Amino acid sequence: MAKTNKFNIHWQIVRTNARDIKDVDKKIQYVIRFLNANKNIHNYERVMNWLKMTAVAYKGSQREKFIDVIEDIESQSSKYTNTKDMDNDFSKVPREDVEKVFKDLSKRKYGFQYKTAPKAHNDFMASLKDYLKN
């Protein structure tokens, strides 16, 4: 299977909105609701990566909450085997959500992973910018 592309507008809206949720339990629940409403291998990979990377920002019992959810989802991975990804049509989501994603990704730094922003990031940003011009 091809590598999952994290630059899907529906996922990016969820990821961006989750950043605004301060309560860890509510943050995790919000993302898991998205996964369970949109069961496919792509969202499974997106959410698992998000859980693992977000957990790093927490310590102690807060981090354990992420680890527990990761283990639970991994144990149910067979629920997420559908290979059809979600439509990536910006016109099907609220414009303010597209604007919020664009603003968030405009500030994104990749220095800890890459020397420059990945091509997929640049391509997605260009398509967001083109859409928002109209």
Protein backbone atom coordinates (compact mmCIF):
# COMPACT_ATOMS: atom_id res chain seq x y z
CA MET A 1 0.00 0.00 0.00
CA ALA A 2 1.14 3.54 -0.71
CA LYS A 3 2.25 5.75 2.17
CA THR A 4 -0.66 7.58 3.79
CA ASN A 5 -0.85 11.24 2.86
CA LYS A 6 -1.55 13.33 5.96
CA PHE A 7 -2.55 16.28 3.79
CA ASN A 8 -6.24 15.48 3.54
CA ILE A 9 -8.46 18.49 4.28
CA HIS A 10 -10.83 16.56 6.55
CA TRP A 11 -7.97 15.22 8.67
CA GLN A 12 -6.22 18.60 8.74
CA ILE A 13 -9.39 20.27 10.04
CA VAL A 14 -9.63 17.70 12.83
CA ARG A 15 -5.93 17.98 13.67
CA THR A 16 -6.10 21.77 13.74
CA ASN A 17 -9.26 21.83 15.85
CA ALA A 18 -7.76 19.31 18.28
CA ARG A 19 -4.90 21.72 18.95
CA ASP A 20 -7.43 24.16 20.42
CA ILE A 21 -8.81 21.62 22.90
CA LYS A 22 -6.89 21.94 26.17
CA ASP A 23 -8.44 19.01 28.09
CA VAL A 24 -6.44 15.89 27.13
CA ASP A 25 -9.39 13.51 27.44
CA LYS A 26 -11.60 15.71 25.24
CA LYS A 27 -8.76 16.20 22.74
CA ILE A 28 -8.28 12.44 22.38
CA GLN A 29 -12.04 11.76 22.24
CA TYR A 30 -12.46 14.36 19.48
CA VAL A 31 -9.83 12.70 17.29
CA ILE A 32 -11.10 9.18 18.01
CA ARG A 33 -14.67 10.22 17.07
CA PHE A 34 -13.28 11.34 13.70
CA LEU A 35 -11.51 8.00 13.22
CA ASN A 36 -14.57 5.96 14.14
CA ALA A 37 -16.81 8.03 11.87
CA ASN A 38 -14.34 7.67 8.97
CA LYS A 39 -12.93 4.16 9.23
CA ASN A 40 -10.20 3.56 6.69
CA ILE A 41 -6.53 2.66 6.71
CA HIS A 42 -5.51 6.23 5.86
CA ASN A 43 -7.29 7.76 8.87
CA TYR A 44 -6.01 4.94 11.06
CA GLU A 45 -2.44 5.84 10.08
CA ARG A 46 -3.09 9.59 10.46
CA VAL A 47 -4.62 9.22 13.91
CA MET A 48 -2.02 6.75 15.14
CA ASN A 49 0.78 9.10 14.07
CA TRP A 50 -1.00 12.04 15.71
CA LEU A 51 -1.48 10.10 18.95
CA LYS A 52 2.17 9.05 19.08
CA MET A 53 3.54 12.49 18.22
CA THR A 54 1.14 14.39 20.50
CA ALA A 55 1.87 12.06 23.43
CA VAL A 56 5.48 13.25 23.36
CA ALA A 57 4.33 16.70 24.50
CA TYR A 58 2.87 15.27 27.71
CA LYS A 59 4.28 13.62 30.82
CA GLY A 60 3.12 11.07 33.35
CA SER A 61 -0.55 10.17 33.49
CA GLN A 62 -1.41 12.51 30.60
CA ARG A 63 1.01 10.66 28.31
CA GLU A 64 -0.34 7.33 29.56
CA LYS A 65 -3.79 8.30 28.27
CA PHE A 66 -2.37 8.51 24.75
CA ILE A 67 -0.50 5.22 25.15
CA ASP A 68 -3.66 3.46 26.37
CA VAL A 69 -5.64 4.73 23.38
CA ILE A 70 -2.87 3.71 20.97
CA GLU A 71 -2.88 0.18 22.37
CA ASP A 72 -6.67 0.01 22.19
CA ILE A 73 -6.81 1.16 18.57
CA GLU A 74 -3.96 -1.16 17.57
CA SER A 75 -5.89 -4.09 19.06
CA GLN A 76 -8.84 -3.17 16.83
CA SER A 77 -6.86 -2.37 13.68
CA SER A 78 -8.97 -4.78 11.60
CA LYS A 79 -11.83 -2.23 11.82
CA TYR A 80 -9.79 0.19 9.71
CA THR A 81 -8.82 -1.81 6.64
CA ASN A 82 -10.93 0.03 4.05
CA THR A 83 -8.47 1.44 1.49
CA LYS A 84 -10.74 4.18 0.07
CA ASP A 85 -9.61 7.55 1.39
CA MET A 86 -11.83 10.55 2.05
CA ASP A 87 -12.53 13.06 -0.69
CA ASN A 88 -10.07 15.96 -0.59
CA ASP A 89 -12.42 18.55 -2.09
CA PHE A 90 -12.05 21.87 -0.24
CA SER A 91 -15.41 23.11 -1.54
CA LYS A 92 -17.15 20.47 0.58
CA VAL A 93 -15.96 21.93 3.88
CA PRO A 94 -16.55 25.35 5.45
CA ARG A 95 -14.26 28.03 4.03
CA GLU A 96 -13.30 29.19 7.54
CA ASP A 97 -11.98 25.68 8.23
CA VAL A 98 -9.84 25.81 5.08
CA GLU A 99 -8.55 29.22 6.18
CA LYS A 100 -7.74 27.89 9.66
CA VAL A 101 -5.81 24.94 8.22
CA PHE A 102 -3.93 27.24 5.83
CA LYS A 103 -2.97 29.57 8.69
CA ASP A 104 -1.86 26.66 10.90
CA LEU A 105 0.20 24.96 8.20
CA SER A 106 1.76 28.28 7.17
CA LYS A 107 3.46 28.36 10.59
CA ARG A 108 4.50 24.71 10.54
CA LYS A 109 8.17 23.99 11.12
CA TYR A 110 9.83 20.81 9.86
CA GLY A 111 13.38 21.39 11.07
CA PHE A 112 13.18 18.55 13.58
CA GLN A 113 12.38 16.05 10.79
CA TYR A 114 13.54 17.49 7.48
CA LYS A 115 15.82 20.22 6.16
CA THR A 116 12.93 21.76 4.22
CA ALA A 117 9.17 21.35 4.11
CA PRO A 118 8.15 18.10 2.38
CA LYS A 119 6.83 18.27 -1.19
CA ALA A 120 3.41 17.03 -0.02
CA HIS A 121 3.21 19.99 2.39
CA ASN A 122 4.17 22.48 -0.32
CA ASP A 123 1.71 20.95 -2.81
CA PHE A 124 -1.11 21.02 -0.26
CA MET A 125 -0.34 24.61 0.70
CA ALA A 126 -0.37 25.63 -2.97
CA SER A 127 -3.75 23.99 -3.48
CA LEU A 128 -5.13 25.66 -0.34
CA LYS A 129 -3.83 29.01 -1.52
CA ASP A 130 -5.36 28.54 -4.98
CA TYR A 131 -8.72 27.61 -3.44
CA LEU A 132 -8.70 30.57 -1.06
CA LYS A 133 -8.00 33.05 -3.89
CA ASN A 134 -11.56 32.52 -5.14
